[in-house]
């Protein structure tokens, strides 16, 4: 019985120069093109999550419209804008924002993921 034809049967087979037939790509030892994997970069452990009291204080700051809108800017930018406008935002919010500057949960407002 004849085997069914495949679409690739109509194309001529071509071998690449320098390859050993029957060996899988990357499995050839001593091949100059095979690269050894670099060790993964050492990453610092992620910062510890802020406590719930801090996040609640920042949520209240986000929801207080007397300091202006908070979409499109960071919490610290909003705090500084409110201070420049003489709205006297709470100073513990600024202290917390400066202390946890690298943590995105603290830096960005509740609506930072929503498009403008």
PDB file of N, CA and C in Angstrom:
ATOM      1  N   UNK A   1       0.843  -1.173   0.000  1.00  0.00           N
ATOM      2  CA  UNK A   1       0.000   0.000   0.000  1.00  0.00           C
ATOM      3  C   UNK A   1       0.888   1.236   0.000  1.00  0.00           C
ATOM      4  N   UNK A   2       0.486   2.233  -0.752  1.00  0.00           N
ATOM      5  CA  UNK A   2       1.273   3.444  -0.902  1.00  0.00           C
ATOM      6  C   UNK A   2       0.929   4.429   0.206  1.00  0.00           C
ATOM      7  N   UNK A   3       1.959   5.103   0.745  1.00  0.00           N
ATOM      8  CA  UNK A   3       1.718   6.090   1.800  1.00  0.00           C
ATOM      9  C   UNK A   3       1.124   7.352   1.194  1.00  0.00           C
ATOM     10  N   UNK A   4       0.277   8.065   1.961  1.00  0.00           N
ATOM     11  CA  UNK A   4      -0.298   9.296   1.411  1.00  0.00           C
ATOM     12  C   UNK A   4       0.796  10.343   1.232  1.00  0.00           C
ATOM     13  N   UNK A   5       0.633  11.130   0.192  1.00  0.00           N
ATOM     14  CA  UNK A   5       1.605  12.183  -0.091  1.00  0.00           C
ATOM     15  C   UNK A   5       1.392  13.359   0.839  1.00  0.00           C
ATOM     16  N   UNK A   6       2.497  13.993   1.201  1.00  0.00           N
ATOM     17  CA  UNK A   6       2.434  15.200   2.009  1.00  0.00           C
ATOM     18  C   UNK A   6       2.762  16.386   1.131  1.00  0.00           C
ATOM     19  N   UNK A   7       2.345  17.561   1.572  1.00  0.00           N
ATOM     20  CA  UNK A   7       2.600  18.761   0.786  1.00  0.00           C
ATOM     21  C   UNK A   7       4.088  19.043   0.676  1.00  0.00           C
ATOM     22  N   UNK A   8       4.846  18.631   1.651  1.00  0.00           N
ATOM     23  CA  UNK A   8       6.292  18.891   1.613  1.00  0.00           C
ATOM     24  C   UNK A   8       7.011  17.952   0.654  1.00  0.00           C
ATOM     25  N   UNK A   9       6.357  16.907   0.180  1.00  0.00           N
ATOM     26  CA  UNK A   9       6.997  15.993  -0.764  1.00  0.00           C
ATOM     27  C   UNK A   9       7.277  16.660  -2.108  1.00  0.00           C
ATOM     28  N   UNK A  10       6.575  17.710  -2.445  1.00  0.00           N
ATOM     29  CA  UNK A  10       6.761  18.353  -3.740  1.00  0.00           C
ATOM     30  C   UNK A  10       7.943  19.323  -3.755  1.00  0.00           C
ATOM     31  N   UNK A  11       8.548  19.588  -2.610  1.00  0.00           N
ATOM     32  CA  UNK A  11       9.688  20.485  -2.540  1.00  0.00           C
ATOM     33  C   UNK A  11      10.966  19.673  -2.371  1.00  0.00           C
ATOM     34  N   UNK A  12      12.048  20.121  -3.025  1.00  0.00           N
ATOM     35  CA  UNK A  12      13.303  19.373  -2.874  1.00  0.00           C
ATOM     36  C   UNK A  12      13.882  19.589  -1.469  1.00  0.00           C
ATOM     37  N   UNK A  13      14.495  18.564  -0.959  1.00  0.00           N
ATOM     38  CA  UNK A  13      15.135  18.671   0.364  1.00  0.00           C
ATOM     39  C   UNK A  13      16.500  19.309   0.188  1.00  0.00           C
ATOM     40  N   UNK A  14      16.807  20.240   1.091  1.00  0.00           N
ATOM     41  CA  UNK A  14      18.102  20.906   1.055  1.00  0.00           C
ATOM     42  C   UNK A  14      18.737  20.795   2.426  1.00  0.00           C
ATOM     43  N   UNK A  15      19.985  20.470   2.439  1.00  0.00           N
ATOM     44  CA  UNK A  15      20.734  20.382   3.687  1.00  0.00           C
ATOM     45  C   UNK A  15      21.576  21.636   3.841  1.00  0.00           C
ATOM     46  N   UNK A  16      21.660  22.123   5.031  1.00  0.00           N
ATOM     47  CA  UNK A  16      22.512  23.269   5.303  1.00  0.00           C
ATOM     48  C   UNK A  16      23.946  22.780   5.451  1.00  0.00           C
ATOM     49  N   UNK A  17      24.887  23.557   4.917  1.00  0.00           N
ATOM     50  CA  UNK A  17      26.287  23.130   5.060  1.00  0.00           C
ATOM     51  C   UNK A  17      26.728  23.217   6.522  1.00  0.00           C
ATOM     52  N   UNK A  18      27.535  22.251   6.922  1.00  0.00           N
ATOM     53  CA  UNK A  18      28.069  22.257   8.278  1.00  0.00           C
ATOM     54  C   UNK A  18      27.177  21.557   9.286  1.00  0.00           C
ATOM     55  N   UNK A  19      26.040  21.044   8.848  1.00  0.00           N
ATOM     56  CA  UNK A  19      25.155  20.337   9.777  1.00  0.00           C
ATOM     57  C   UNK A  19      25.292  18.840   9.584  1.00  0.00           C
ATOM     58  N   UNK A  20      25.254  18.155  10.677  1.00  0.00           N
ATOM     59  CA  UNK A  20      25.300  16.716  10.634  1.00  0.00           C
ATOM     60  C   UNK A  20      23.878  16.192  10.483  1.00  0.00           C
ATOM     61  N   UNK A  21      23.618  15.360   9.491  1.00  0.00           N
ATOM     62  CA  UNK A  21      22.253  14.863   9.326  1.00  0.00           C
ATOM     63  C   UNK A  21      21.842  13.986  10.499  1.00  0.00           C
ATOM     64  N   UNK A  22      20.614  14.112  10.889  1.00  0.00           N
ATOM     65  CA  UNK A  22      20.075  13.289  11.962  1.00  0.00           C
ATOM     66  C   UNK A  22      20.236  13.872  13.351  1.00  0.00           C
ATOM     67  N   UNK A  23      20.913  14.941  13.494  1.00  0.00           N
ATOM     68  CA  UNK A  23      21.096  15.570  14.801  1.00  0.00           C
ATOM     69  C   UNK A  23      20.137  16.740  14.936  1.00  0.00           C
ATOM     70  N   UNK A  24      19.570  16.879  16.094  1.00  0.00           N
ATOM     71  CA  UNK A  24      18.638  17.982  16.343  1.00  0.00           C
ATOM     72  C   UNK A  24      19.409  19.279  16.553  1.00  0.00           C
ATOM     73  N   UNK A  25      18.788  20.368  16.186  1.00  0.00           N
ATOM     74  CA  UNK A  25      19.407  21.684  16.335  1.00  0.00           C
ATOM     75  C   UNK A  25      19.643  21.976  17.810  1.00  0.00           C
ATOM     76  N   UNK A  26      20.835  22.415  18.138  1.00  0.00           N
ATOM     77  CA  UNK A  26      21.156  22.764  19.509  1.00  0.00           C
ATOM     78  C   UNK A  26      21.655  21.577  20.322  1.00  0.00           C
ATOM     79  N   UNK A  27      21.522  20.359  19.786  1.00  0.00           N
ATOM     80  CA  UNK A  27      21.958  19.182  20.516  1.00  0.00           C
ATOM     81  C   UNK A  27      23.397  18.802  20.174  1.00  0.00           C
ATOM     82  N   UNK A  28      23.949  19.414  19.135  1.00  0.00           N
ATOM     83  CA  UNK A  28      25.299  19.103  18.707  1.00  0.00           C
ATOM     84  C   UNK A  28      26.275  19.749  19.685  1.00  0.00           C
ATOM     85  N   UNK A  29      27.132  18.894  20.275  1.00  0.00           N
ATOM     86  CA  UNK A  29      28.113  19.430  21.212  1.00  0.00           C
ATOM     87  C   UNK A  29      29.316  19.930  20.446  1.00  0.00           C
ATOM     88  N   UNK A  30      29.863  21.037  20.904  1.00  0.00           N
ATOM     89  CA  UNK A  30      31.030  21.607  20.266  1.00  0.00           C
ATOM     90  C   UNK A  30      30.684  22.472  19.078  1.00  0.00           C
ATOM     91  N   UNK A  31      29.448  22.662  18.821  1.00  0.00           N
ATOM     92  CA  UNK A  31      29.023  23.497  17.703  1.00  0.00           C
ATOM     93  C   UNK A  31      29.305  24.956  18.047  1.00  0.00           C
ATOM     94  N   UNK A  32      29.976  25.707  17.162  1.00  0.00           N
ATOM     95  CA  UNK A  32      30.301  27.095  17.499  1.00  0.00           C
ATOM     96  C   UNK A  32      29.066  27.979  17.608  1.00  0.00           C
ATOM     97  N   UNK A  33      27.982  27.585  16.969  1.00  0.00           N
ATOM     98  CA  UNK A  33      26.784  28.412  17.032  1.00  0.00           C
ATOM     99  C   UNK A  33      25.966  28.159  18.293  1.00  0.00           C
ATOM    100  N   UNK A  34      26.171  27.023  18.918  1.00  0.00           N
ATOM    101  CA  UNK A  34      25.416  26.727  20.135  1.00  0.00           C
ATOM    102  C   UNK A  34      25.898  27.652  21.247  1.00  0.00           C
ATOM    103  N   UNK A  35      24.980  28.288  21.897  1.00  0.00           N
ATOM    104  CA  UNK A  35      25.324  29.231  22.953  1.00  0.00           C
ATOM    105  C   UNK A  35      24.964  28.642  24.305  1.00  0.00           C
ATOM    106  N   UNK A  36      25.832  28.880  25.244  1.00  0.00           N
ATOM    107  CA  UNK A  36      25.491  28.476  26.596  1.00  0.00           C
ATOM    108  C   UNK A  36      24.605  29.549  27.206  1.00  0.00           C
ATOM    109  N   UNK A  37      23.676  29.126  27.971  1.00  0.00           N
ATOM    110  CA  UNK A  37      22.760  30.079  28.594  1.00  0.00           C
ATOM    111  C   UNK A  37      23.458  30.825  29.715  1.00  0.00           C
ATOM    112  N   UNK A  38      23.243  32.107  29.707  1.00  0.00           N
ATOM    113  CA  UNK A  38      23.806  32.928  30.768  1.00  0.00           C
ATOM    114  C   UNK A  38      22.981  32.698  32.035  1.00  0.00           C
ATOM    115  N   UNK A  39      23.595  32.777  33.192  1.00  0.00           N
ATOM    116  CA  UNK A  39      22.812  32.615  34.410  1.00  0.00           C
ATOM    117  C   UNK A  39      21.780  33.731  34.518  1.00  0.00           C
ATOM    118  N   UNK A  40      20.626  33.430  35.084  1.00  0.00           N
ATOM    119  CA  UNK A  40      19.603  34.467  35.196  1.00  0.00           C
ATOM    120  C   UNK A  40      20.119  35.636  36.033  1.00  0.00           C
ATOM    121  N   UNK A  41      19.730  36.845  35.658  1.00  0.00           N
ATOM    122  CA  UNK A  41      20.222  37.998  36.427  1.00  0.00           C
ATOM    123  C   UNK A  41      19.719  37.926  37.863  1.00  0.00           C
ATOM    124  N   UNK A  42      20.587  38.321  38.741  1.00  0.00           N
ATOM    125  CA  UNK A  42      20.191  38.305  40.143  1.00  0.00           C
ATOM    126  C   UNK A  42      19.280  39.488  40.395  1.00  0.00           C
ATOM    127  N   UNK A  43      18.107  39.178  40.819  1.00  0.00           N
ATOM    128  CA  UNK A  43      17.128  40.221  41.089  1.00  0.00           C
ATOM    129  C   UNK A  43      16.966  40.369  42.594  1.00  0.00           C
ATOM    130  N   UNK A  44      16.733  41.587  42.977  1.00  0.00           N
ATOM    131  CA  UNK A  44      16.468  41.824  44.382  1.00  0.00           C
ATOM    132  C   UNK A  44      15.070  41.305  44.698  1.00  0.00           C
ATOM    133  N   UNK A  45      14.856  40.830  45.883  1.00  0.00           N
ATOM    134  CA  UNK A  45      13.518  40.362  46.210  1.00  0.00           C
ATOM    135  C   UNK A  45      12.537  41.521  46.130  1.00  0.00           C
ATOM    136  N   UNK A  46      11.299  41.256  45.725  1.00  0.00           N
ATOM    137  CA  UNK A  46      10.331  42.340  45.627  1.00  0.00           C
ATOM    138  C   UNK A  46      10.112  42.986  46.989  1.00  0.00           C
ATOM    139  N   UNK A  47       9.831  44.279  47.002  1.00  0.00           N
ATOM    140  CA  UNK A  47       9.629  44.941  48.288  1.00  0.00           C
ATOM    141  C   UNK A  47       8.424  44.350  49.006  1.00  0.00           C
ATOM    142  N   UNK A  48       8.506  44.355  50.303  1.00  0.00           N
ATOM    143  CA  UNK A  48       7.407  43.790  51.082  1.00  0.00           C
ATOM    144  C   UNK A  48       6.162  44.645  50.876  1.00  0.00           C
ATOM    145  N   UNK A  49       5.003  44.005  50.834  1.00  0.00           N
ATOM    146  CA  UNK A  49       3.777  44.780  50.619  1.00  0.00           C
ATOM    147  C   UNK A  49       3.530  45.723  51.786  1.00  0.00           C
ATOM    148  N   UNK A  50       3.038  46.919  51.496  1.00  0.00           N
ATOM    149  CA  UNK A  50       2.770  47.866  52.579  1.00  0.00           C
ATOM    150  C   UNK A  50       1.601  47.386  53.435  1.00  0.00           C
ATOM    151  N   UNK A  51       1.568  47.862  54.650  1.00  0.00           N
ATOM    152  CA  UNK A  51       0.505  47.426  55.546  1.00  0.00           C
ATOM    153  C   UNK A  51      -0.843  48.014  55.106  1.00  0.00           C
ATOM    154  N   UNK A  52      -1.904  47.401  55.581  1.00  0.00           N
ATOM    155  CA  UNK A  52      -3.252  47.776  55.165  1.00  0.00           C
ATOM    156  C   UNK A  52      -3.639  49.175  55.623  1.00  0.00           C
ATOM    157  N   UNK A  53      -3.135  49.610  56.768  1.00  0.00           N
ATOM    158  CA  UNK A  53      -3.457  50.962  57.249  1.00  0.00           C
ATOM    159  C   UNK A  53      -2.897  52.018  56.290  1.00  0.00           C
ATOM    160  N   UNK A  54      -1.695  51.787  55.779  1.00  0.00           N
ATOM    161  CA  UNK A  54      -1.101  52.714  54.826  1.00  0.00           C
ATOM    162  C   UNK A  54      -1.915  52.751  53.533  1.00  0.00           C
ATOM    163  N   UNK A  55      -2.281  51.575  53.022  1.00  0.00           N
ATOM    164  CA  UNK A  55      -3.067  51.528  51.793  1.00  0.00           C
ATOM    165  C   UNK A  55      -4.436  52.177  51.971  1.00  0.00           C
ATOM    166  N   UNK A  56      -5.018  52.020  53.140  1.00  0.00           N
ATOM    167  CA  UNK A  56      -6.318  52.652  53.401  1.00  0.00           C
ATOM    168  C   UNK A  56      -6.177  54.181  53.435  1.00  0.00           C
ATOM    169  N   UNK A  57      -5.099  54.676  54.027  1.00  0.00           N
ATOM    170  CA  UNK A  57      -4.867  56.119  54.054  1.00  0.00           C
ATOM    171  C   UNK A  57      -4.695  56.655  52.628  1.00  0.00           C
ATOM    172  N   UNK A  58      -3.976  55.920  51.785  1.00  0.00           N
ATOM    173  CA  UNK A  58      -3.772  56.347  50.413  1.00  0.00           C
ATOM    174  C   UNK A  58      -5.070  56.258  49.602  1.00  0.00           C
ATOM    175  N   UNK A  59      -5.904  55.262  49.883  1.00  0.00           N
ATOM    176  CA  UNK A  59      -7.209  55.172  49.222  1.00  0.00           C
ATOM    177  C   UNK A  59      -8.070  56.376  49.570  1.00  0.00           C
ATOM    178  N   UNK A  60      -8.052  56.754  50.845  1.00  0.00           N
ATOM    179  CA  UNK A  60      -8.829  57.932  51.249  1.00  0.00           C
ATOM    180  C   UNK A  60      -8.308  59.191  50.562  1.00  0.00           C
ATOM    181  N   UNK A  61      -6.990  59.277  50.385  1.00  0.00           N
ATOM    182  CA  UNK A  61      -6.407  60.414  49.672  1.00  0.00           C
ATOM    183  C   UNK A  61      -6.867  60.409  48.208  1.00  0.00           C
ATOM    184  N   UNK A  62      -6.919  59.232  47.590  1.00  0.00           N
ATOM    185  CA  UNK A  62      -7.388  59.139  46.206  1.00  0.00           C
ATOM    186  C   UNK A  62      -8.851  59.554  46.080  1.00  0.00           C
ATOM    187  N   UNK A  63      -9.646  59.225  47.057  1.00  0.00           N
ATOM    188  CA  UNK A  63     -11.079  59.498  46.982  1.00  0.00           C
ATOM    189  C   UNK A  63     -11.447  60.914  47.414  1.00  0.00           C
ATOM    190  N   UNK A  64     -10.502  61.655  47.990  1.00  0.00           N
ATOM    191  CA  UNK A  64     -10.766  63.029  48.427  1.00  0.00           C
ATOM    192  C   UNK A  64     -10.608  63.961  47.232  1.00  0.00           C
ATOM    193  N   UNK A  65     -11.727  64.409  46.675  1.00  0.00           N
ATOM    194  CA  UNK A  65     -11.684  65.231  45.472  1.00  0.00           C
ATOM    195  C   UNK A  65     -11.272  66.675  45.746  1.00  0.00           C
ATOM    196  N   UNK A  66     -11.149  67.049  46.989  1.00  0.00           N
ATOM    197  CA  UNK A  66     -10.737  68.431  47.265  1.00  0.00           C
ATOM    198  C   UNK A  66      -9.283  68.689  46.861  1.00  0.00           C
ATOM    199  N   UNK A  67      -8.514  67.622  46.594  1.00  0.00           N
ATOM    200  CA  UNK A  67      -7.123  67.790  46.172  1.00  0.00           C
ATOM    201  C   UNK A  67      -6.982  67.697  44.658  1.00  0.00           C
ATOM    202  N   UNK A  68      -8.062  67.667  43.935  1.00  0.00           N
ATOM    203  CA  UNK A  68      -8.043  67.630  42.477  1.00  0.00           C
ATOM    204  C   UNK A  68      -8.078  66.219  41.938  1.00  0.00           C
ATOM    205  N   UNK A  69      -8.187  66.096  40.620  1.00  0.00           N
ATOM    206  CA  UNK A  69      -8.256  64.767  40.005  1.00  0.00           C
ATOM    207  C   UNK A  69      -6.933  64.017  40.144  1.00  0.00           C
ATOM    208  N   UNK A  70      -7.020  62.694  40.138  1.00  0.00           N
ATOM    209  CA  UNK A  70      -5.806  61.903  40.338  1.00  0.00           C
ATOM    210  C   UNK A  70      -5.526  60.958  39.181  1.00  0.00           C
ATOM    211  N   UNK A  71      -6.299  61.013  38.107  1.00  0.00           N
ATOM    212  CA  UNK A  71      -6.020  60.136  36.973  1.00  0.00           C
ATOM    213  C   UNK A  71      -4.923  60.732  36.110  1.00  0.00           C
ATOM    214  N   UNK A  72      -4.022  59.875  35.660  1.00  0.00           N
ATOM    215  CA  UNK A  72      -2.956  60.312  34.780  1.00  0.00           C
ATOM    216  C   UNK A  72      -1.698  60.793  35.469  1.00  0.00           C
ATOM    217  N   UNK A  73      -1.687  60.893  36.791  1.00  0.00           N
ATOM    218  CA  UNK A  73      -0.494  61.325  37.519  1.00  0.00           C
ATOM    219  C   UNK A  73      -0.293  60.412  38.718  1.00  0.00           C
ATOM    220  N   UNK A  74       0.894  60.467  39.281  1.00  0.00           N
ATOM    221  CA  UNK A  74       1.160  59.667  40.478  1.00  0.00           C
ATOM    222  C   UNK A  74       0.588  60.370  41.702  1.00  0.00           C
ATOM    223  N   UNK A  75       0.549  59.637  42.782  1.00  0.00           N
ATOM    224  CA  UNK A  75       0.032  60.228  44.025  1.00  0.00           C
ATOM    225  C   UNK A  75       0.918  61.372  44.504  1.00  0.00           C
ATOM    226  N   UNK A  76       2.221  61.211  44.347  1.00  0.00           N
ATOM    227  CA  UNK A  76       3.130  62.268  44.788  1.00  0.00           C
ATOM    228  C   UNK A  76       2.963  63.528  43.933  1.00  0.00           C
ATOM    229  N   UNK A  77       2.788  63.353  42.633  1.00  0.00           N
ATOM    230  CA  UNK A  77       2.536  64.513  41.776  1.00  0.00           C
ATOM    231  C   UNK A  77       1.240  65.201  42.175  1.00  0.00           C
ATOM    232  N   UNK A  78       0.228  64.440  42.518  1.00  0.00           N
ATOM    233  CA  UNK A  78      -1.047  65.024  42.952  1.00  0.00           C
ATOM    234  C   UNK A  78      -0.877  65.765  44.264  1.00  0.00           C
ATOM    235  N   UNK A  79      -0.107  65.166  45.185  1.00  0.00           N
ATOM    236  CA  UNK A  79       0.124  65.807  46.477  1.00  0.00           C
ATOM    237  C   UNK A  79       0.844  67.136  46.266  1.00  0.00           C
ATOM    238  N   UNK A  80       1.895  67.122  45.420  1.00  0.00           N
ATOM    239  CA  UNK A  80       2.666  68.355  45.184  1.00  0.00           C
ATOM    240  C   UNK A  80       1.821  69.421  44.489  1.00  0.00           C
ATOM    241  N   UNK A  81       0.958  69.014  43.561  1.00  0.00           N
ATOM    242  CA  UNK A  81       0.081  69.975  42.901  1.00  0.00           C
ATOM    243  C   UNK A  81      -0.891  70.600  43.897  1.00  0.00           C
ATOM    244  N   UNK A  82      -1.452  69.757  44.772  1.00  0.00           N
ATOM    245  CA  UNK A  82      -2.371  70.283  45.781  1.00  0.00           C
ATOM    246  C   UNK A  82      -1.650  71.235  46.728  1.00  0.00           C
ATOM    247  N   UNK A  83      -0.417  70.919  47.085  1.00  0.00           N
ATOM    248  CA  UNK A  83       0.370  71.799  47.956  1.00  0.00           C
ATOM    249  C   UNK A  83       0.646  73.128  47.259  1.00  0.00           C
ATOM    250  N   UNK A  84       0.982  73.079  45.969  1.00  0.00           N
ATOM    251  CA  UNK A  84       1.264  74.306  45.219  1.00  0.00           C
ATOM    252  C   UNK A  84       0.023  75.190  45.086  1.00  0.00           C
ATOM    253  N   UNK A  85      -1.148  74.553  45.058  1.00  0.00           N
ATOM    254  CA  UNK A  85      -2.395  75.311  44.952  1.00  0.00           C
ATOM    255  C   UNK A  85      -2.930  75.766  46.309  1.00  0.00           C
ATOM    256  N   UNK A  86      -2.207  75.451  47.387  1.00  0.00           N
ATOM    257  CA  UNK A  86      -2.611  75.875  48.719  1.00  0.00           C
ATOM    258  C   UNK A  86      -3.767  75.081  49.292  1.00  0.00           C
ATOM    259  N   UNK A  87      -3.916  73.813  48.879  1.00  0.00           N
ATOM    260  CA  UNK A  87      -5.030  72.988  49.356  1.00  0.00           C
ATOM    261  C   UNK A  87      -4.682  72.208  50.618  1.00  0.00           C
ATOM    262  N   UNK A  88      -3.483  72.335  51.096  1.00  0.00           N
ATOM    263  CA  UNK A  88      -2.959  71.685  52.305  1.00  0.00           C
ATOM    264  C   UNK A  88      -3.307  70.195  52.391  1.00  0.00           C
ATOM    265  N   UNK A  89      -2.677  69.381  51.521  1.00  0.00           N
ATOM    266  CA  UNK A  89      -2.886  67.933  51.607  1.00  0.00           C
ATOM    267  C   UNK A  89      -2.204  67.375  52.852  1.00  0.00           C
ATOM    268  N   UNK A  90      -2.637  66.207  53.328  1.00  0.00           N
ATOM    269  CA  UNK A  90      -2.056  65.641  54.561  1.00  0.00           C
ATOM    270  C   UNK A  90      -0.580  65.266  54.374  1.00  0.00           C
ATOM    271  N   UNK A  91       0.238  65.711  55.311  1.00  0.00           N
ATOM    272  CA  UNK A  91       1.674  65.431  55.214  1.00  0.00           C
ATOM    273  C   UNK A  91       2.029  63.964  55.451  1.00  0.00           C
ATOM    274  N   UNK A  92       1.259  63.175  56.230  1.00  0.00           N
ATOM    275  CA  UNK A  92       1.614  61.753  56.343  1.00  0.00           C
ATOM    276  C   UNK A  92       1.530  61.009  55.003  1.00  0.00           C
ATOM    277  N   UNK A  93       0.680  61.501  54.102  1.00  0.00           N
ATOM    278  CA  UNK A  93       0.595  60.882  52.783  1.00  0.00           C
ATOM    279  C   UNK A  93       1.903  61.093  52.031  1.00  0.00           C
ATOM    280  N   UNK A  94       2.433  62.300  52.075  1.00  0.00           N
ATOM    281  CA  UNK A  94       3.695  62.579  51.391  1.00  0.00           C
ATOM    282  C   UNK A  94       4.834  61.771  52.002  1.00  0.00           C
ATOM    283  N   UNK A  95       4.868  61.685  53.321  1.00  0.00           N
ATOM    284  CA  UNK A  95       5.918  60.903  53.976  1.00  0.00           C
ATOM    285  C   UNK A  95       5.862  59.439  53.545  1.00  0.00           C
ATOM    286  N   UNK A  96       4.651  58.888  53.477  1.00  0.00           N
ATOM    287  CA  UNK A  96       4.496  57.484  53.062  1.00  0.00           C
ATOM    288  C   UNK A  96       4.890  57.304  51.605  1.00  0.00           C
ATOM    289  N   UNK A  97       4.546  58.268  50.757  1.00  0.00           N
ATOM    290  CA  UNK A  97       4.889  58.170  49.343  1.00  0.00           C
ATOM    291  C   UNK A  97       6.393  58.233  49.127  1.00  0.00           C
ATOM    292  N   UNK A  98       7.073  59.065  49.871  1.00  0.00           N
ATOM    293  CA  UNK A  98       8.528  59.149  49.745  1.00  0.00           C
ATOM    294  C   UNK A  98       9.217  57.918  50.321  1.00  0.00           C
ATOM    295  N   UNK A  99       8.651  57.356  51.370  1.00  0.00           N
ATOM    296  CA  UNK A  99       9.246  56.175  51.994  1.00  0.00           C
ATOM    297  C   UNK A  99       9.107  54.939  51.103  1.00  0.00           C
ATOM    298  N   UNK A 100       7.967  54.790  50.427  1.00  0.00           N
ATOM    299  CA  UNK A 100       7.692  53.616  49.589  1.00  0.00           C
ATOM    300  C   UNK A 100       7.718  53.992  48.111  1.00  0.00           C
ATOM    301  N   UNK A 101       8.684  54.764  47.715  1.00  0.00           N
ATOM    302  CA  UNK A 101       8.757  55.295  46.357  1.00  0.00           C
ATOM    303  C   UNK A 101       8.848  54.200  45.293  1.00  0.00           C
ATOM    304  N   UNK A 102       9.462  53.066  45.590  1.00  0.00           N
ATOM    305  CA  UNK A 102       9.673  52.007  44.598  1.00  0.00           C
ATOM    306  C   UNK A 102       8.511  51.032  44.490  1.00  0.00           C
ATOM    307  N   UNK A 103       7.522  51.165  45.331  1.00  0.00           N
ATOM    308  CA  UNK A 103       6.407  50.226  45.334  1.00  0.00           C
ATOM    309  C   UNK A 103       5.263  50.784  44.486  1.00  0.00           C
ATOM    310  N   UNK A 104       4.892  50.122  43.380  1.00  0.00           N
ATOM    311  CA  UNK A 104       3.822  50.656  42.528  1.00  0.00           C
ATOM    312  C   UNK A 104       2.458  50.676  43.202  1.00  0.00           C
ATOM    313  N   UNK A 105       2.235  49.819  44.202  1.00  0.00           N
ATOM    314  CA  UNK A 105       0.958  49.843  44.922  1.00  0.00           C
ATOM    315  C   UNK A 105       0.788  51.145  45.691  1.00  0.00           C
ATOM    316  N   UNK A 106       1.889  51.751  46.071  1.00  0.00           N
ATOM    317  CA  UNK A 106       1.856  52.999  46.826  1.00  0.00           C
ATOM    318  C   UNK A 106       1.970  54.200  45.883  1.00  0.00           C
ATOM    319  N   UNK A 107       2.787  54.080  44.863  1.00  0.00           N
ATOM    320  CA  UNK A 107       3.069  55.209  43.980  1.00  0.00           C
ATOM    321  C   UNK A 107       1.860  55.643  43.167  1.00  0.00           C
ATOM    322  N   UNK A 108       1.123  54.683  42.624  1.00  0.00           N
ATOM    323  CA  UNK A 108       0.035  55.008  41.701  1.00  0.00           C
ATOM    324  C   UNK A 108      -1.317  54.985  42.400  1.00  0.00           C
ATOM    325  N   UNK A 109      -2.239  55.757  41.854  1.00  0.00           N
ATOM    326  CA  UNK A 109      -3.573  55.864  42.461  1.00  0.00           C
ATOM    327  C   UNK A 109      -4.416  54.635  42.115  1.00  0.00           C
ATOM    328  N   UNK A 110      -5.618  54.619  42.634  1.00  0.00           N
ATOM    329  CA  UNK A 110      -6.518  53.501  42.408  1.00  0.00           C
ATOM    330  C   UNK A 110      -6.832  53.309  40.932  1.00  0.00           C
ATOM    331  N   UNK A 111      -6.814  54.375  40.146  1.00  0.00           N
ATOM    332  CA  UNK A 111      -7.274  54.324  38.769  1.00  0.00           C
ATOM    333  C   UNK A 111      -6.151  54.403  37.753  1.00  0.00           C
ATOM    334  N   UNK A 112      -4.923  54.062  38.154  1.00  0.00           N
ATOM    335  CA  UNK A 112      -3.816  54.222  37.217  1.00  0.00           C
ATOM    336  C   UNK A 112      -3.882  53.250  36.033  1.00  0.00           C
ATOM    337  N   UNK A 113      -4.597  52.138  36.163  1.00  0.00           N
ATOM    338  CA  UNK A 113      -4.681  51.175  35.078  1.00  0.00           C
ATOM    339  C   UNK A 113      -5.757  51.523  34.060  1.00  0.00           C
ATOM    340  N   UNK A 114      -6.597  52.465  34.373  1.00  0.00           N
ATOM    341  CA  UNK A 114      -7.679  52.840  33.461  1.00  0.00           C
ATOM    342  C   UNK A 114      -7.190  53.913  32.493  1.00  0.00           C
ATOM    343  N   UNK A 115      -7.613  53.772  31.245  1.00  0.00           N
ATOM    344  CA  UNK A 115      -7.231  54.758  30.233  1.00  0.00           C
ATOM    345  C   UNK A 115      -7.973  56.076  30.483  1.00  0.00           C
ATOM    346  N   UNK A 116      -7.325  57.154  30.087  1.00  0.00           N
ATOM    347  CA  UNK A 116      -7.947  58.460  30.248  1.00  0.00           C
ATOM    348  C   UNK A 116      -9.041  58.680  29.244  1.00  0.00           C
TER     349      UNK A 116
END
